[in-house]
Amino acid sequence: MSDPTTVDEYIAAAPERARAPLEEIRRRVHQVVPEAGEKISYRIPTFTLGGKYFAYMAGFDNHVSIYPVTSLPGLDDEISPYRSGKGTLRFPLDQPIPYDLIGRAVAALSERRRR
């Protein structure tokens, strides 16, 4: 398959295990940031405000990820177990995914973009 041009195409082409979690993350993003836009950037789903990114997500065989997450005051202790590399939160698909935490992290990322 060629590179996806929409978030729907990306999710449809993602590993089967990652599709439902990606859809739920997408739903949570729009729940906490109703004005968020969507596009594909760097070949992965990107959420935007005013045309500028505030968060990316990606799905893999064994995990889903959110980027770029550096320090998030008030959430650093909670997101610590999910840190993987610089600026990445990785959520294994064989464990319950903390969607509420993801929603709060995405809300913080969007607030950072608004400043």
N, C-alpha and C. Protein backbone atom coordinates (compact mmCIF):
# COMPACT_ATOMS: atom_id res chain seq x y z
N MET A 1 0.83 -1.18 0.00
CA MET A 1 0.00 0.00 0.00
C MET A 1 0.88 1.25 0.00
N SER A 2 0.43 2.28 -0.68
CA SER A 2 1.16 3.53 -0.68
C SER A 2 0.97 4.23 0.66
N ASP A 3 1.71 5.29 0.86
CA ASP A 3 1.60 6.03 2.12
C ASP A 3 0.18 6.56 2.29
N PRO A 4 -0.36 6.49 3.51
CA PRO A 4 -1.71 7.00 3.73
C PRO A 4 -1.77 8.52 3.55
N THR A 5 -2.90 8.99 3.09
CA THR A 5 -3.09 10.43 2.94
C THR A 5 -4.11 10.98 3.93
N THR A 6 -4.81 10.09 4.63
CA THR A 6 -5.77 10.50 5.65
C THR A 6 -5.58 9.63 6.90
N VAL A 7 -6.12 10.11 8.01
CA VAL A 7 -6.06 9.34 9.25
C VAL A 7 -6.87 8.05 9.10
N ASP A 8 -8.00 8.11 8.40
CA ASP A 8 -8.78 6.90 8.17
C ASP A 8 -7.96 5.85 7.42
N GLU A 9 -7.24 6.27 6.39
CA GLU A 9 -6.40 5.34 5.64
C GLU A 9 -5.30 4.76 6.52
N TYR A 10 -4.70 5.61 7.35
CA TYR A 10 -3.63 5.14 8.24
C TYR A 10 -4.17 4.05 9.17
N ILE A 11 -5.30 4.32 9.82
CA ILE A 11 -5.85 3.36 10.77
C ILE A 11 -6.25 2.07 10.06
N ALA A 12 -6.83 2.18 8.88
CA ALA A 12 -7.23 0.98 8.13
C ALA A 12 -6.02 0.12 7.76
N ALA A 13 -4.87 0.73 7.55
CA ALA A 13 -3.67 0.00 7.17
C ALA A 13 -2.82 -0.41 8.37
N ALA A 14 -3.17 0.05 9.56
CA ALA A 14 -2.41 -0.28 10.77
C ALA A 14 -2.57 -1.76 11.11
N PRO A 15 -1.64 -2.31 11.90
CA PRO A 15 -1.82 -3.68 12.37
C PRO A 15 -3.19 -3.83 13.04
N GLU A 16 -3.83 -4.94 12.81
CA GLU A 16 -5.20 -5.14 13.30
C GLU A 16 -5.35 -4.86 14.79
N ARG A 17 -4.39 -5.33 15.59
CA ARG A 17 -4.47 -5.12 17.05
C ARG A 17 -4.43 -3.65 17.44
N ALA A 18 -3.84 -2.82 16.60
CA ALA A 18 -3.67 -1.40 16.92
C ALA A 18 -4.86 -0.55 16.47
N ARG A 19 -5.72 -1.07 15.62
CA ARG A 19 -6.78 -0.24 15.03
C ARG A 19 -7.76 0.31 16.07
N ALA A 20 -8.31 -0.54 16.90
CA ALA A 20 -9.29 -0.06 17.90
C ALA A 20 -8.64 0.93 18.87
N PRO A 21 -7.43 0.65 19.39
CA PRO A 21 -6.79 1.64 20.25
C PRO A 21 -6.54 2.98 19.53
N LEU A 22 -6.14 2.94 18.27
CA LEU A 22 -5.94 4.18 17.53
C LEU A 22 -7.25 4.95 17.38
N GLU A 23 -8.32 4.25 17.10
CA GLU A 23 -9.63 4.90 16.99
C GLU A 23 -10.03 5.53 18.31
N GLU A 24 -9.77 4.83 19.42
CA GLU A 24 -10.14 5.38 20.72
C GLU A 24 -9.28 6.58 21.07
N ILE A 25 -8.00 6.53 20.77
CA ILE A 25 -7.14 7.70 21.01
C ILE A 25 -7.64 8.87 20.18
N ARG A 26 -7.95 8.63 18.94
CA ARG A 26 -8.49 9.68 18.06
C ARG A 26 -9.77 10.28 18.66
N ARG A 27 -10.65 9.41 19.14
CA ARG A 27 -11.90 9.88 19.74
C ARG A 27 -11.61 10.74 20.96
N ARG A 28 -10.67 10.30 21.79
CA ARG A 28 -10.32 11.06 22.99
C ARG A 28 -9.72 12.42 22.64
N VAL A 29 -8.87 12.45 21.62
CA VAL A 29 -8.29 13.73 21.20
C VAL A 29 -9.40 14.70 20.85
N HIS A 30 -10.37 14.26 20.05
CA HIS A 30 -11.45 15.15 19.64
C HIS A 30 -12.41 15.47 20.79
N GLN A 31 -12.46 14.59 21.77
CA GLN A 31 -13.29 14.86 22.95
C GLN A 31 -12.68 15.99 23.78
N VAL A 32 -11.36 15.95 23.99
CA VAL A 32 -10.72 16.96 24.84
C VAL A 32 -10.30 18.21 24.08
N VAL A 33 -10.16 18.09 22.75
CA VAL A 33 -9.79 19.23 21.91
C VAL A 33 -10.72 19.23 20.69
N PRO A 34 -11.99 19.64 20.88
CA PRO A 34 -12.97 19.54 19.80
C PRO A 34 -12.57 20.26 18.51
N GLU A 35 -11.77 21.31 18.63
CA GLU A 35 -11.37 22.06 17.44
C GLU A 35 -10.13 21.49 16.76
N ALA A 36 -9.64 20.35 17.22
CA ALA A 36 -8.44 19.76 16.62
C ALA A 36 -8.68 19.37 15.17
N GLY A 37 -7.69 19.67 14.35
CA GLY A 37 -7.68 19.20 12.98
C GLY A 37 -6.88 17.92 12.88
N GLU A 38 -6.95 17.27 11.73
CA GLU A 38 -6.21 16.04 11.50
C GLU A 38 -5.52 16.12 10.15
N LYS A 39 -4.35 15.52 10.09
CA LYS A 39 -3.66 15.35 8.83
C LYS A 39 -2.61 14.26 9.00
N ILE A 40 -2.00 13.89 7.91
CA ILE A 40 -0.88 12.97 7.96
C ILE A 40 0.39 13.80 7.79
N SER A 41 1.31 13.62 8.70
CA SER A 41 2.61 14.27 8.63
C SER A 41 3.64 13.26 9.10
N TYR A 42 4.78 13.21 8.45
CA TYR A 42 5.78 12.19 8.75
C TYR A 42 5.18 10.79 8.64
N ARG A 43 4.18 10.65 7.79
CA ARG A 43 3.52 9.38 7.49
C ARG A 43 2.69 8.82 8.65
N ILE A 44 2.38 9.66 9.66
CA ILE A 44 1.55 9.22 10.78
C ILE A 44 0.47 10.27 11.07
N PRO A 45 -0.61 9.87 11.76
CA PRO A 45 -1.66 10.82 12.12
C PRO A 45 -1.13 11.94 13.00
N THR A 46 -1.56 13.14 12.65
CA THR A 46 -1.12 14.34 13.33
C THR A 46 -2.34 15.16 13.70
N PHE A 47 -2.38 15.65 14.92
CA PHE A 47 -3.47 16.48 15.38
C PHE A 47 -2.96 17.91 15.45
N THR A 48 -3.79 18.84 14.95
CA THR A 48 -3.35 20.22 14.80
C THR A 48 -4.30 21.22 15.45
N LEU A 49 -3.75 22.37 15.72
CA LEU A 49 -4.51 23.55 16.14
C LEU A 49 -4.01 24.70 15.29
N GLY A 50 -4.90 25.37 14.59
CA GLY A 50 -4.49 26.48 13.74
C GLY A 50 -3.48 26.06 12.69
N GLY A 51 -3.57 24.81 12.25
CA GLY A 51 -2.66 24.31 11.22
C GLY A 51 -1.31 23.83 11.73
N LYS A 52 -1.04 23.96 13.03
CA LYS A 52 0.23 23.53 13.61
C LYS A 52 0.02 22.31 14.50
N TYR A 53 0.94 21.37 14.42
CA TYR A 53 0.78 20.13 15.18
C TYR A 53 0.83 20.38 16.68
N PHE A 54 0.12 19.53 17.42
CA PHE A 54 0.32 19.47 18.87
C PHE A 54 0.52 18.04 19.34
N ALA A 55 0.13 17.06 18.53
CA ALA A 55 0.35 15.66 18.91
C ALA A 55 0.32 14.77 17.67
N TYR A 56 1.05 13.69 17.75
CA TYR A 56 1.07 12.64 16.74
C TYR A 56 0.69 11.34 17.42
N MET A 57 0.19 10.38 16.65
CA MET A 57 -0.01 9.03 17.18
C MET A 57 0.44 8.04 16.11
N ALA A 58 0.77 6.85 16.55
CA ALA A 58 1.17 5.81 15.61
C ALA A 58 0.81 4.45 16.20
N GLY A 59 0.56 3.50 15.32
CA GLY A 59 0.22 2.14 15.74
C GLY A 59 1.22 1.14 15.19
N PHE A 60 1.56 0.17 16.00
CA PHE A 60 2.53 -0.86 15.64
C PHE A 60 1.96 -2.23 16.03
N ASP A 61 2.70 -3.27 15.76
CA ASP A 61 2.23 -4.62 16.07
C ASP A 61 1.94 -4.82 17.56
N ASN A 62 2.78 -4.24 18.41
CA ASN A 62 2.67 -4.51 19.84
C ASN A 62 2.37 -3.31 20.72
N HIS A 63 2.28 -2.13 20.13
CA HIS A 63 2.01 -0.93 20.93
C HIS A 63 1.46 0.19 20.07
N VAL A 64 0.92 1.20 20.75
CA VAL A 64 0.56 2.47 20.12
C VAL A 64 1.37 3.54 20.84
N SER A 65 1.65 4.63 20.13
CA SER A 65 2.48 5.68 20.70
C SER A 65 1.87 7.06 20.48
N ILE A 66 2.23 7.97 21.37
CA ILE A 66 1.87 9.38 21.28
C ILE A 66 3.19 10.15 21.30
N TYR A 67 3.27 11.18 20.49
CA TYR A 67 4.46 12.02 20.39
C TYR A 67 4.04 13.49 20.31
N PRO A 68 4.84 14.45 20.43
CA PRO A 68 6.06 14.49 21.24
C PRO A 68 5.67 14.86 22.67
N VAL A 69 6.08 14.04 23.59
CA VAL A 69 5.74 14.28 24.98
C VAL A 69 7.04 14.42 25.77
N THR A 70 7.37 15.63 26.10
CA THR A 70 8.50 15.87 26.98
C THR A 70 7.92 16.00 28.38
N SER A 71 8.26 17.01 29.08
CA SER A 71 7.72 17.21 30.42
C SER A 71 6.29 17.75 30.34
N LEU A 72 5.41 17.16 31.12
CA LEU A 72 4.04 17.64 31.24
C LEU A 72 3.77 17.88 32.72
N PRO A 73 3.97 19.11 33.18
CA PRO A 73 3.77 19.39 34.61
C PRO A 73 2.43 18.86 35.11
N GLY A 74 2.49 18.20 36.24
CA GLY A 74 1.30 17.61 36.83
C GLY A 74 1.01 16.20 36.34
N LEU A 75 1.65 15.78 35.26
CA LEU A 75 1.41 14.44 34.72
C LEU A 75 2.69 13.59 34.65
N ASP A 76 3.84 14.19 34.92
CA ASP A 76 5.10 13.49 34.71
C ASP A 76 5.18 12.15 35.46
N ASP A 77 4.71 12.10 36.70
CA ASP A 77 4.78 10.84 37.44
C ASP A 77 3.88 9.78 36.79
N GLU A 78 2.71 10.18 36.34
CA GLU A 78 1.77 9.23 35.74
C GLU A 78 2.24 8.72 34.38
N ILE A 79 2.88 9.58 33.60
CA ILE A 79 3.31 9.15 32.27
C ILE A 79 4.66 8.44 32.29
N SER A 80 5.37 8.55 33.39
CA SER A 80 6.71 7.96 33.50
C SER A 80 6.79 6.49 33.08
N PRO A 81 5.85 5.63 33.50
CA PRO A 81 5.95 4.21 33.11
C PRO A 81 5.82 3.99 31.60
N TYR A 82 5.31 4.96 30.87
CA TYR A 82 5.06 4.80 29.45
C TYR A 82 6.12 5.48 28.57
N ARG A 83 7.08 6.12 29.19
CA ARG A 83 8.12 6.79 28.42
C ARG A 83 8.98 5.77 27.68
N SER A 84 9.26 6.08 26.44
CA SER A 84 10.11 5.22 25.63
C SER A 84 10.88 6.12 24.69
N GLY A 85 12.11 6.35 25.01
CA GLY A 85 12.90 7.24 24.17
C GLY A 85 12.54 8.69 24.42
N LYS A 86 13.18 9.53 23.70
CA LYS A 86 12.99 10.97 23.88
C LYS A 86 11.67 11.43 23.27
N GLY A 87 10.75 11.88 24.12
CA GLY A 87 9.51 12.45 23.63
C GLY A 87 8.44 11.48 23.20
N THR A 88 8.55 10.21 23.58
CA THR A 88 7.58 9.20 23.15
C THR A 88 6.90 8.56 24.35
N LEU A 89 5.59 8.41 24.24
CA LEU A 89 4.84 7.58 25.19
C LEU A 89 4.41 6.34 24.43
N ARG A 90 4.75 5.18 24.97
CA ARG A 90 4.45 3.90 24.33
C ARG A 90 3.53 3.10 25.22
N PHE A 91 2.40 2.65 24.62
CA PHE A 91 1.39 1.91 25.36
C PHE A 91 1.28 0.50 24.78
N PRO A 92 1.79 -0.51 25.53
CA PRO A 92 1.74 -1.89 25.03
C PRO A 92 0.30 -2.36 24.82
N LEU A 93 0.08 -3.09 23.75
CA LEU A 93 -1.26 -3.58 23.42
C LEU A 93 -1.68 -4.78 24.26
N ASP A 94 -0.74 -5.37 24.99
CA ASP A 94 -1.10 -6.50 25.84
C ASP A 94 -1.41 -6.07 27.27
N GLN A 95 -1.55 -4.76 27.48
CA GLN A 95 -1.91 -4.20 28.78
C GLN A 95 -3.06 -3.22 28.58
N PRO A 96 -3.83 -2.97 29.64
CA PRO A 96 -4.90 -1.97 29.50
C PRO A 96 -4.29 -0.61 29.14
N ILE A 97 -4.89 0.05 28.18
CA ILE A 97 -4.39 1.35 27.73
C ILE A 97 -5.07 2.43 28.57
N PRO A 98 -4.28 3.31 29.19
CA PRO A 98 -4.85 4.35 30.06
C PRO A 98 -5.38 5.53 29.24
N TYR A 99 -6.54 5.33 28.64
CA TYR A 99 -7.10 6.36 27.74
C TYR A 99 -7.36 7.68 28.46
N ASP A 100 -7.76 7.62 29.73
CA ASP A 100 -7.98 8.87 30.46
C ASP A 100 -6.67 9.65 30.59
N LEU A 101 -5.59 8.95 30.88
CA LEU A 101 -4.28 9.59 30.97
C LEU A 101 -3.88 10.16 29.61
N ILE A 102 -4.12 9.41 28.55
CA ILE A 102 -3.81 9.90 27.21
C ILE A 102 -4.61 11.18 26.93
N GLY A 103 -5.87 11.20 27.30
CA GLY A 103 -6.69 12.38 27.11
C GLY A 103 -6.13 13.58 27.85
N ARG A 104 -5.71 13.37 29.08
CA ARG A 104 -5.14 14.47 29.86
C ARG A 104 -3.82 14.95 29.28
N ALA A 105 -3.01 14.00 28.79
CA ALA A 105 -1.73 14.37 28.17
C ALA A 105 -1.97 15.17 26.89
N VAL A 106 -2.91 14.72 26.08
CA VAL A 106 -3.24 15.42 24.84
C VAL A 106 -3.78 16.82 25.14
N ALA A 107 -4.61 16.94 26.16
CA ALA A 107 -5.12 18.26 26.55
C ALA A 107 -3.97 19.18 26.94
N ALA A 108 -3.00 18.65 27.68
CA ALA A 108 -1.83 19.46 28.07
C ALA A 108 -1.01 19.85 26.85
N LEU A 109 -0.85 18.93 25.91
CA LEU A 109 -0.11 19.24 24.69
C LEU A 109 -0.81 20.33 23.88
N SER A 110 -2.13 20.27 23.83
CA SER A 110 -2.86 21.29 23.08
C SER A 110 -2.75 22.65 23.76
N GLU A 111 -2.78 22.66 25.08
CA GLU A 111 -2.62 23.93 25.81
C GLU A 111 -1.24 24.52 25.55
N ARG A 112 -0.24 23.66 25.50
CA ARG A 112 1.11 24.13 25.21
C ARG A 112 1.15 24.78 23.82
N ARG A 113 0.46 24.21 22.85
CA ARG A 113 0.44 24.75 21.49
C ARG A 113 -0.29 26.10 21.45
N ARG A 114 -1.30 26.25 22.28
CA ARG A 114 -2.07 27.49 22.29
C ARG A 114 -1.26 28.69 22.77
N ARG A 115 -0.23 28.45 23.55
CA ARG A 115 0.56 29.55 24.11
C ARG A 115 1.45 30.19 23.08
